[in-house]
Amino acid sequence: GLTRETEVRHAAWGSIATLRDPFGHGWCLIQFTDAGY
């Protein structure tokens, strides 16, 4: 039931996608690279 708000963005530390839940809250899903931050 979460809604995707952006395309997946890629950076040196990993990839991120943003979503919103049915209650208006924002959530980020992050997949880190081996190095991460």
PDB file of all heavy atoms in Angstrom:
ATOM      1  N   GLY A   1       0.772  -1.233   0.000  1.00  0.00           N
ATOM      2  CA  GLY A   1       0.000   0.000   0.000  1.00  0.00           C
ATOM      3  C   GLY A   1       0.802   1.281   0.000  1.00  0.00           C
ATOM      4  O   GLY A   1       0.219   2.376   0.012  1.00  0.00           O
ATOM      5  N   LEU A   2       2.134   1.219  -0.011  1.00  0.00           N
ATOM      6  CA  LEU A   2       2.928   2.427  -0.115  1.00  0.00           C
ATOM      7  C   LEU A   2       2.993   2.850  -1.577  1.00  0.00           C
ATOM      8  O   LEU A   2       2.925   2.012  -2.480  1.00  0.00           O
ATOM      9  CB  LEU A   2       4.336   2.222   0.440  1.00  0.00           C
ATOM     10  CG  LEU A   2       4.424   2.302   1.971  1.00  0.00           C
ATOM     11  CD1 LEU A   2       3.988   1.004   2.605  1.00  0.00           C
ATOM     12  CD2 LEU A   2       5.813   2.672   2.400  1.00  0.00           C
ATOM     13  N   THR A   3       3.137   4.142  -1.808  1.00  0.00           N
ATOM     14  CA  THR A   3       3.188   4.687  -3.159  1.00  0.00           C
ATOM     15  C   THR A   3       4.585   5.226  -3.431  1.00  0.00           C
ATOM     16  O   THR A   3       5.103   6.036  -2.652  1.00  0.00           O
ATOM     17  CB  THR A   3       2.160   5.832  -3.309  1.00  0.00           C
ATOM     18  OG1 THR A   3       0.861   5.314  -3.004  1.00  0.00           O
ATOM     19  CG2 THR A   3       2.177   6.397  -4.709  1.00  0.00           C
ATOM     20  N   ARG A   4       5.147   4.791  -4.532  1.00  0.00           N
ATOM     21  CA  ARG A   4       6.478   5.257  -4.933  1.00  0.00           C
ATOM     22  C   ARG A   4       6.381   6.706  -5.388  1.00  0.00           C
ATOM     23  O   ARG A   4       5.502   7.062  -6.167  1.00  0.00           O
ATOM     24  CB  ARG A   4       6.973   4.365  -6.055  1.00  0.00           C
ATOM     25  CG  ARG A   4       8.391   4.557  -6.431  1.00  0.00           C
ATOM     26  CD  ARG A   4       8.761   3.402  -7.342  1.00  0.00           C
ATOM     27  NE  ARG A   4       9.989   3.655  -8.035  1.00  0.00           N
ATOM     28  CZ  ARG A   4      10.591   2.744  -8.773  1.00  0.00           C
ATOM     29  NH1 ARG A   4      10.057   1.540  -8.911  1.00  0.00           N
ATOM     30  NH2 ARG A   4      11.704   3.024  -9.376  1.00  0.00           N
ATOM     31  N   GLU A   5       7.292   7.548  -4.894  1.00  0.00           N
ATOM     32  CA  GLU A   5       7.266   8.968  -5.241  1.00  0.00           C
ATOM     33  C   GLU A   5       8.355   9.358  -6.232  1.00  0.00           C
ATOM     34  O   GLU A   5       8.223  10.371  -6.902  1.00  0.00           O
ATOM     35  CB  GLU A   5       7.396   9.828  -3.983  1.00  0.00           C
ATOM     36  CG  GLU A   5       6.201   9.705  -3.070  1.00  0.00           C
ATOM     37  CD  GLU A   5       6.253  10.660  -1.913  1.00  0.00           C
ATOM     38  OE1 GLU A   5       7.312  10.800  -1.267  1.00  0.00           O
ATOM     39  OE2 GLU A   5       5.207  11.272  -1.641  1.00  0.00           O
ATOM     40  N   THR A   6       9.436   8.605  -6.286  1.00  0.00           N
ATOM     41  CA  THR A   6      10.555   8.966  -7.167  1.00  0.00           C
ATOM     42  C   THR A   6      11.090   7.719  -7.859  1.00  0.00           C
ATOM     43  O   THR A   6      10.833   6.590  -7.432  1.00  0.00           O
ATOM     44  CB  THR A   6      11.728   9.580  -6.377  1.00  0.00           C
ATOM     45  OG1 THR A   6      12.236   8.604  -5.458  1.00  0.00           O
ATOM     46  CG2 THR A   6      11.314  10.831  -5.620  1.00  0.00           C
ATOM     47  N   GLU A   7      11.843   7.961  -8.895  1.00  0.00           N
ATOM     48  CA  GLU A   7      12.617   6.890  -9.502  1.00  0.00           C
ATOM     49  C   GLU A   7      13.767   6.566  -8.551  1.00  0.00           C
ATOM     50  O   GLU A   7      14.125   7.376  -7.692  1.00  0.00           O
ATOM     51  CB  GLU A   7      13.160   7.330 -10.867  1.00  0.00           C
ATOM     52  CG  GLU A   7      12.070   7.557 -11.896  1.00  0.00           C
ATOM     53  CD  GLU A   7      11.246   6.298 -12.153  1.00  0.00           C
ATOM     54  OE1 GLU A   7      11.842   5.201 -12.291  1.00  0.00           O
ATOM     55  OE2 GLU A   7      10.008   6.405 -12.197  1.00  0.00           O
ATOM     56  N   VAL A   8      14.358   5.410  -8.728  1.00  0.00           N
ATOM     57  CA  VAL A   8      15.520   5.047  -7.918  1.00  0.00           C
ATOM     58  C   VAL A   8      16.667   5.983  -8.293  1.00  0.00           C
ATOM     59  O   VAL A   8      16.933   6.218  -9.472  1.00  0.00           O
ATOM     60  CB  VAL A   8      15.916   3.574  -8.165  1.00  0.00           C
ATOM     61  CG1 VAL A   8      17.208   3.234  -7.440  1.00  0.00           C
ATOM     62  CG2 VAL A   8      14.782   2.644  -7.729  1.00  0.00           C
ATOM     63  N   ARG A   9      17.293   6.547  -7.273  1.00  0.00           N
ATOM     64  CA  ARG A   9      18.470   7.401  -7.488  1.00  0.00           C
ATOM     65  C   ARG A   9      19.698   6.635  -7.022  1.00  0.00           C
ATOM     66  O   ARG A   9      19.649   5.927  -6.010  1.00  0.00           O
ATOM     67  CB  ARG A   9      18.323   8.707  -6.706  1.00  0.00           C
ATOM     68  CG  ARG A   9      17.175   9.555  -7.210  1.00  0.00           C
ATOM     69  CD  ARG A   9      17.130  10.925  -6.525  1.00  0.00           C
ATOM     70  NE  ARG A   9      17.332  10.863  -5.090  1.00  0.00           N
ATOM     71  CZ  ARG A   9      16.384  11.070  -4.182  1.00  0.00           C
ATOM     72  NH1 ARG A   9      15.154  11.334  -4.546  1.00  0.00           N
ATOM     73  NH2 ARG A   9      16.650  11.007  -2.897  1.00  0.00           N
ATOM     74  N   HIS A  10      20.801   6.814  -7.755  1.00  0.00           N
ATOM     75  CA  HIS A  10      22.039   6.100  -7.455  1.00  0.00           C
ATOM     76  C   HIS A  10      23.123   7.100  -7.056  1.00  0.00           C
ATOM     77  O   HIS A  10      23.207   8.188  -7.620  1.00  0.00           O
ATOM     78  CB  HIS A  10      22.485   5.278  -8.665  1.00  0.00           C
ATOM     79  CG  HIS A  10      21.433   4.333  -9.150  1.00  0.00           C
ATOM     80  ND1 HIS A  10      21.168   3.139  -8.529  1.00  0.00           N
ATOM     81  CD2 HIS A  10      20.551   4.435 -10.176  1.00  0.00           C
ATOM     82  CE1 HIS A  10      20.174   2.530  -9.165  1.00  0.00           C
ATOM     83  NE2 HIS A  10      19.769   3.300 -10.164  1.00  0.00           N
ATOM     84  N   ALA A  11      23.928   6.710  -6.083  1.00  0.00           N
ATOM     85  CA  ALA A  11      25.032   7.539  -5.598  1.00  0.00           C
ATOM     86  C   ALA A  11      26.192   6.617  -5.241  1.00  0.00           C
ATOM     87  O   ALA A  11      26.047   5.389  -5.256  1.00  0.00           O
ATOM     88  CB  ALA A  11      24.579   8.333  -4.372  1.00  0.00           C
ATOM     89  N   ALA A  12      27.320   7.202  -4.894  1.00  0.00           N
ATOM     90  CA  ALA A  12      28.495   6.404  -4.537  1.00  0.00           C
ATOM     91  C   ALA A  12      28.220   5.501  -3.332  1.00  0.00           C
ATOM     92  O   ALA A  12      28.767   4.408  -3.223  1.00  0.00           O
ATOM     93  CB  ALA A  12      29.678   7.324  -4.243  1.00  0.00           C
ATOM     94  N   TRP A  13      27.363   5.929  -2.421  1.00  0.00           N
ATOM     95  CA  TRP A  13      27.069   5.162  -1.194  1.00  0.00           C
ATOM     96  C   TRP A  13      26.009   4.091  -1.400  1.00  0.00           C
ATOM     97  O   TRP A  13      25.833   3.206  -0.591  1.00  0.00           O
ATOM     98  CB  TRP A  13      26.660   6.092  -0.054  1.00  0.00           C
ATOM     99  CG  TRP A  13      25.600   7.073  -0.444  1.00  0.00           C
ATOM    100  CD1 TRP A  13      25.791   8.352  -0.860  1.00  0.00           C
ATOM    101  CD2 TRP A  13      24.196   6.849  -0.479  1.00  0.00           C
ATOM    102  NE1 TRP A  13      24.573   8.952  -1.157  1.00  0.00           N
ATOM    103  CE2 TRP A  13      23.582   8.031  -0.934  1.00  0.00           C
ATOM    104  CE3 TRP A  13      23.380   5.764  -0.172  1.00  0.00           C
ATOM    105  CZ2 TRP A  13      22.213   8.166  -1.081  1.00  0.00           C
ATOM    106  CZ3 TRP A  13      22.015   5.893  -0.326  1.00  0.00           C
ATOM    107  CH2 TRP A  13      21.448   7.089  -0.771  1.00  0.00           C
ATOM    108  N   GLY A  14      25.203   4.208  -2.498  1.00  0.00           N
ATOM    109  CA  GLY A  14      24.160   3.221  -2.739  1.00  0.00           C
ATOM    110  C   GLY A  14      23.026   3.783  -3.569  1.00  0.00           C
ATOM    111  O   GLY A  14      23.196   4.754  -4.304  1.00  0.00           O
ATOM    112  N   SER A  15      21.851   3.182  -3.434  1.00  0.00           N
ATOM    113  CA  SER A  15      20.669   3.581  -4.188  1.00  0.00           C
ATOM    114  C   SER A  15      19.522   3.836  -3.226  1.00  0.00           C
ATOM    115  O   SER A  15      19.428   3.209  -2.167  1.00  0.00           O
ATOM    116  CB  SER A  15      20.281   2.469  -5.169  1.00  0.00           C
ATOM    117  OG  SER A  15      21.341   2.221  -6.067  1.00  0.00           O
ATOM    118  N   ILE A  16      18.612   4.735  -3.640  1.00  0.00           N
ATOM    119  CA  ILE A  16      17.520   5.139  -2.770  1.00  0.00           C
ATOM    120  C   ILE A  16      16.246   5.345  -3.586  1.00  0.00           C
ATOM    121  O   ILE A  16      16.300   5.815  -4.724  1.00  0.00           O
ATOM    122  CB  ILE A  16      17.874   6.438  -1.993  1.00  0.00           C
ATOM    123  CG1 ILE A  16      16.792   6.813  -0.991  1.00  0.00           C
ATOM    124  CG2 ILE A  16      18.187   7.574  -2.948  1.00  0.00           C
ATOM    125  CD1 ILE A  16      17.188   7.952  -0.056  1.00  0.00           C
ATOM    126  N   ALA A  17      15.122   4.980  -3.001  1.00  0.00           N
ATOM    127  CA  ALA A  17      13.804   5.267  -3.558  1.00  0.00           C
ATOM    128  C   ALA A  17      12.949   5.828  -2.435  1.00  0.00           C
ATOM    129  O   ALA A  17      13.055   5.392  -1.285  1.00  0.00           O
ATOM    130  CB  ALA A  17      13.167   4.007  -4.129  1.00  0.00           C
ATOM    131  N   THR A  18      12.104   6.793  -2.764  1.00  0.00           N
ATOM    132  CA  THR A  18      11.243   7.388  -1.748  1.00  0.00           C
ATOM    133  C   THR A  18       9.796   6.973  -1.990  1.00  0.00           C
ATOM    134  O   THR A  18       9.357   6.815  -3.133  1.00  0.00           O
ATOM    135  CB  THR A  18      11.356   8.925  -1.731  1.00  0.00           C
ATOM    136  OG1 THR A  18      10.971   9.438  -3.000  1.00  0.00           O
ATOM    137  CG2 THR A  18      12.778   9.354  -1.419  1.00  0.00           C
ATOM    138  N   LEU A  19       9.089   6.789  -0.878  1.00  0.00           N
ATOM    139  CA  LEU A  19       7.689   6.370  -0.918  1.00  0.00           C
ATOM    140  C   LEU A  19       6.891   7.154   0.114  1.00  0.00           C
ATOM    141  O   LEU A  19       7.465   7.788   0.994  1.00  0.00           O
ATOM    142  CB  LEU A  19       7.578   4.879  -0.568  1.00  0.00           C
ATOM    143  CG  LEU A  19       8.372   3.913  -1.409  1.00  0.00           C
ATOM    144  CD1 LEU A  19       9.534   3.369  -0.609  1.00  0.00           C
ATOM    145  CD2 LEU A  19       7.487   2.798  -1.884  1.00  0.00           C
ATOM    146  N   ARG A  20       5.580   7.044   0.004  1.00  0.00           N
ATOM    147  CA  ARG A  20       4.688   7.568   1.048  1.00  0.00           C
ATOM    148  C   ARG A  20       3.748   6.438   1.436  1.00  0.00           C
ATOM    149  O   ARG A  20       3.364   5.617   0.605  1.00  0.00           O
ATOM    150  CB  ARG A  20       3.925   8.792   0.586  1.00  0.00           C
ATOM    151  CG  ARG A  20       2.852   8.530  -0.438  1.00  0.00           C
ATOM    152  CD  ARG A  20       2.056   9.805  -0.751  1.00  0.00           C
ATOM    153  NE  ARG A  20       1.095   9.556  -1.782  1.00  0.00           N
ATOM    154  CZ  ARG A  20       1.320   9.679  -3.083  1.00  0.00           C
ATOM    155  NH1 ARG A  20       2.510  10.058  -3.499  1.00  0.00           N
ATOM    156  NH2 ARG A  20       0.373   9.422  -3.955  1.00  0.00           N
ATOM    157  N   ASP A  21       3.388   6.416   2.702  1.00  0.00           N
ATOM    158  CA  ASP A  21       2.460   5.384   3.164  1.00  0.00           C
ATOM    159  C   ASP A  21       1.033   5.921   3.108  1.00  0.00           C
ATOM    160  O   ASP A  21       0.827   7.096   2.778  1.00  0.00           O
ATOM    161  CB  ASP A  21       2.877   4.862   4.550  1.00  0.00           C
ATOM    162  CG  ASP A  21       2.700   5.865   5.676  1.00  0.00           C
ATOM    163  OD1 ASP A  21       1.904   6.818   5.549  1.00  0.00           O
ATOM    164  OD2 ASP A  21       3.356   5.685   6.710  1.00  0.00           O
ATOM    165  N   PRO A  22       0.043   5.091   3.393  1.00  0.00           N
ATOM    166  CA  PRO A  22      -1.350   5.556   3.316  1.00  0.00           C
ATOM    167  C   PRO A  22      -1.700   6.648   4.320  1.00  0.00           C
ATOM    168  O   PRO A  22      -2.789   7.209   4.262  1.00  0.00           O
ATOM    169  CB  PRO A  22      -2.169   4.290   3.610  1.00  0.00           C
ATOM    170  CG  PRO A  22      -1.266   3.156   3.328  1.00  0.00           C
ATOM    171  CD  PRO A  22       0.117   3.648   3.641  1.00  0.00           C
ATOM    172  N   PHE A  23      -0.788   6.950   5.242  1.00  0.00           N
ATOM    173  CA  PHE A  23      -1.060   7.913   6.307  1.00  0.00           C
ATOM    174  C   PHE A  23      -0.283   9.208   6.122  1.00  0.00           C
ATOM    175  O   PHE A  23      -0.199  10.018   7.029  1.00  0.00           O
ATOM    176  CB  PHE A  23      -0.736   7.279   7.665  1.00  0.00           C
ATOM    177  CG  PHE A  23      -1.208   5.862   7.747  1.00  0.00           C
ATOM    178  CD1 PHE A  23      -0.309   4.819   7.682  1.00  0.00           C
ATOM    179  CD2 PHE A  23      -2.566   5.568   7.795  1.00  0.00           C
ATOM    180  CE1 PHE A  23      -0.744   3.501   7.710  1.00  0.00           C
ATOM    181  CE2 PHE A  23      -3.008   4.252   7.816  1.00  0.00           C
ATOM    182  CZ  PHE A  23      -2.094   3.217   7.775  1.00  0.00           C
ATOM    183  N   GLY A  24       0.341   9.393   4.943  1.00  0.00           N
ATOM    184  CA  GLY A  24       1.044  10.629   4.637  1.00  0.00           C
ATOM    185  C   GLY A  24       2.504  10.666   5.043  1.00  0.00           C
ATOM    186  O   GLY A  24       3.189  11.651   4.784  1.00  0.00           O
ATOM    187  N   HIS A  25       3.005   9.614   5.682  1.00  0.00           N
ATOM    188  CA  HIS A  25       4.395   9.596   6.134  1.00  0.00           C
ATOM    189  C   HIS A  25       5.330   9.231   4.988  1.00  0.00           C
ATOM    190  O   HIS A  25       5.022   8.367   4.170  1.00  0.00           O
ATOM    191  CB  HIS A  25       4.598   8.570   7.258  1.00  0.00           C
ATOM    192  CG  HIS A  25       3.695   8.782   8.425  1.00  0.00           C
ATOM    193  ND1 HIS A  25       3.674   9.943   9.150  1.00  0.00           N
ATOM    194  CD2 HIS A  25       2.766   7.973   8.989  1.00  0.00           C
ATOM    195  CE1 HIS A  25       2.781   9.839  10.119  1.00  0.00           C
ATOM    196  NE2 HIS A  25       2.205   8.665  10.040  1.00  0.00           N
ATOM    197  N   GLY A  26       6.495   9.870   4.949  1.00  0.00           N
ATOM    198  CA  GLY A  26       7.509   9.550   3.961  1.00  0.00           C
ATOM    199  C   GLY A  26       8.428   8.439   4.451  1.00  0.00           C
ATOM    200  O   GLY A  26       8.740   8.358   5.638  1.00  0.00           O
ATOM    201  N   TRP A  27       8.847   7.584   3.523  1.00  0.00           N
ATOM    202  CA  TRP A  27       9.771   6.488   3.817  1.00  0.00           C
ATOM    203  C   TRP A  27      10.807   6.440   2.705  1.00  0.00           C
ATOM    204  O   TRP A  27      10.485   6.703   1.546  1.00  0.00           O
ATOM    205  CB  TRP A  27       9.033   5.148   3.832  1.00  0.00           C
ATOM    206  CG  TRP A  27       8.082   4.983   4.965  1.00  0.00           C
ATOM    207  CD1 TRP A  27       6.820   5.493   5.060  1.00  0.00           C
ATOM    208  CD2 TRP A  27       8.304   4.259   6.171  1.00  0.00           C
ATOM    209  NE1 TRP A  27       6.242   5.130   6.248  1.00  0.00           N
ATOM    210  CE2 TRP A  27       7.137   4.360   6.956  1.00  0.00           C
ATOM    211  CE3 TRP A  27       9.385   3.529   6.655  1.00  0.00           C
ATOM    212  CZ2 TRP A  27       7.015   3.770   8.192  1.00  0.00           C
ATOM    213  CZ3 TRP A  27       9.254   2.921   7.896  1.00  0.00           C
ATOM    214  CH2 TRP A  27       8.091   3.051   8.652  1.00  0.00           C
ATOM    215  N   CYS A  28      12.035   6.092   3.046  1.00  0.00           N
ATOM    216  CA  CYS A  28      13.073   5.873   2.044  1.00  0.00           C
ATOM    217  C   CYS A  28      13.540   4.425   2.160  1.00  0.00           C
ATOM    218  O   CYS A  28      13.754   3.926   3.265  1.00  0.00           O
ATOM    219  CB  CYS A  28      14.273   6.783   2.273  1.00  0.00           C
ATOM    220  SG  CYS A  28      13.893   8.533   2.077  1.00  0.00           S
ATOM    221  N   LEU A  29      13.687   3.789   1.019  1.00  0.00           N
ATOM    222  CA  LEU A  29      14.316   2.474   0.962  1.00  0.00           C
ATOM    223  C   LEU A  29      15.721   2.697   0.420  1.00  0.00           C
ATOM    224  O   LEU A  29      15.888   3.351  -0.618  1.00  0.00           O
ATOM    225  CB  LEU A  29      13.543   1.526   0.053  1.00  0.00           C
ATOM    226  CG  LEU A  29      12.122   1.183   0.489  1.00  0.00           C
ATOM    227  CD1 LEU A  29      11.469   0.266  -0.542  1.00  0.00           C
ATOM    228  CD2 LEU A  29      12.113   0.528   1.859  1.00  0.00           C
ATOM    229  N   ILE A  30      16.717   2.173   1.132  1.00  0.00           N
ATOM    230  CA  ILE A  30      18.115   2.385   0.764  1.00  0.00           C
ATOM    231  C   ILE A  30      18.820   1.045   0.646  1.00  0.00           C
ATOM    232  O   ILE A  30      18.726   0.213   1.553  1.00  0.00           O
ATOM    233  CB  ILE A  30      18.841   3.244   1.824  1.00  0.00           C
ATOM    234  CG1 ILE A  30      18.201   4.631   1.906  1.00  0.00           C
ATOM    235  CG2 ILE A  30      20.322   3.339   1.520  1.00  0.00           C
ATOM    236  CD1 ILE A  30      18.788   5.514   2.983  1.00  0.00           C
ATOM    237  N   GLN A  31      19.516   0.874  -0.471  1.00  0.00           N
ATOM    238  CA  GLN A  31      20.405  -0.278  -0.631  1.00  0.00           C
ATOM    239  C   GLN A  31      21.816   0.286  -0.700  1.00  0.00           C
ATOM    240  O   GLN A  31      22.168   0.988  -1.644  1.00  0.00           O
ATOM    241  CB  GLN A  31      20.077  -1.059  -1.906  1.00  0.00           C
ATOM    242  CG  GLN A  31      20.971  -2.274  -2.078  1.00  0.00           C
ATOM    243  CD  GLN A  31      20.596  -3.087  -3.304  1.00  0.00           C
ATOM    244  OE1 GLN A  31      19.507  -2.974  -3.853  1.00  0.00           O
ATOM    245  NE2 GLN A  31      21.521  -3.911  -3.740  1.00  0.00           N
ATOM    246  N   PHE A  32      22.611   0.011   0.333  1.00  0.00           N
ATOM    247  CA  PHE A  32      23.977   0.518   0.391  1.00  0.00           C
ATOM    248  C   PHE A  32      24.910  -0.300  -0.485  1.00  0.00           C
ATOM    249  O   PHE A  32      24.718  -1.510  -0.664  1.00  0.00           O
ATOM    250  CB  PHE A  32      24.495   0.492   1.835  1.00  0.00           C
ATOM    251  CG  PHE A  32      23.884   1.547   2.719  1.00  0.00           C
ATOM    252  CD1 PHE A  32      22.966   1.213   3.694  1.00  0.00           C
ATOM    253  CD2 PHE A  32      24.218   2.882   2.568  1.00  0.00           C
ATOM    254  CE1 PHE A  32      22.397   2.175   4.514  1.00  0.00           C
ATOM    255  CE2 PHE A  32      23.669   3.861   3.368  1.00  0.00           C
ATOM    256  CZ  PHE A  32      22.751   3.508   4.349  1.00  0.00           C
ATOM    257  N   THR A  33      25.938   0.353  -1.004  1.00  0.00           N
ATOM    258  CA  THR A  33      27.041  -0.359  -1.637  1.00  0.00           C
ATOM    259  C   THR A  33      27.869  -0.987  -0.522  1.00  0.00           C
ATOM    260  O   THR A  33      27.612  -0.738   0.665  1.00  0.00           O
ATOM    261  CB  THR A  33      27.939   0.600  -2.440  1.00  0.00           C
ATOM    262  OG1 THR A  33      28.482   1.575  -1.526  1.00  0.00           O
ATOM    263  CG2 THR A  33      27.177   1.300  -3.551  1.00  0.00           C
ATOM    264  N   ASP A  34      28.879  -1.754  -0.859  1.00  0.00           N
ATOM    265  CA  ASP A  34      29.742  -2.337   0.172  1.00  0.00           C
ATOM    266  C   ASP A  34      30.385  -1.255   1.033  1.00  0.00           C
ATOM    267  O   ASP A  34      30.541  -1.420   2.229  1.00  0.00           O
ATOM    268  CB  ASP A  34      30.817  -3.217  -0.458  1.00  0.00           C
ATOM    269  CG  ASP A  34      30.253  -4.520  -1.003  1.00  0.00           C
ATOM    270  OD1 ASP A  34      29.143  -4.915  -0.577  1.00  0.00           O
ATOM    271  OD2 ASP A  34      30.913  -5.141  -1.848  1.00  0.00           O
ATOM    272  N   ALA A  35      30.738  -0.115   0.428  1.00  0.00           N
ATOM    273  CA  ALA A  35      31.370   0.966   1.163  1.00  0.00           C
ATOM    274  C   ALA A  35      30.348   1.781   1.970  1.00  0.00           C
ATOM    275  O   ALA A  35      30.687   2.365   2.991  1.00  0.00           O
ATOM    276  CB  ALA A  35      32.124   1.890   0.215  1.00  0.00           C
ATOM    277  N   GLY A  36      29.099   1.818   1.517  1.00  0.00           N
ATOM    278  CA  GLY A  36      28.077   2.608   2.208  1.00  0.00           C
ATOM    279  C   GLY A  36      28.498   4.063   2.314  1.00  0.00           C
ATOM    280  O   GLY A  36      29.123   4.609   1.406  1.00  0.00           O
ATOM    281  N   TYR A  37      28.174   4.694   3.429  1.00  0.00           N
ATOM    282  CA  TYR A  37      28.506   6.103   3.608  1.00  0.00           C
ATOM    283  C   TYR A  37      30.006   6.344   3.657  1.00  0.00           C
ATOM    284  O   TYR A  37      30.468   7.473   3.452  1.00  0.00           O
ATOM    285  CB  TYR A  37      27.852   6.667   4.872  1.00  0.00           C
ATOM    286  CG  TYR A  37      26.361   6.872   4.749  1.00  0.00           C
ATOM    287  CD1 TYR A  37      25.537   6.631   5.826  1.00  0.00           C
ATOM    288  CD2 TYR A  37      25.766   7.322   3.572  1.00  0.00           C
ATOM    289  CE1 TYR A  37      24.156   6.827   5.746  1.00  0.00           C
ATOM    290  CE2 TYR A  37      24.412   7.505   3.475  1.00  0.00           C
ATOM    291  CZ  TYR A  37      23.604   7.263   4.567  1.00  0.00           C
ATOM    292  OH  TYR A  37      22.264   7.460   4.465  1.00  0.00           O
TER     293      TYR A  37
END
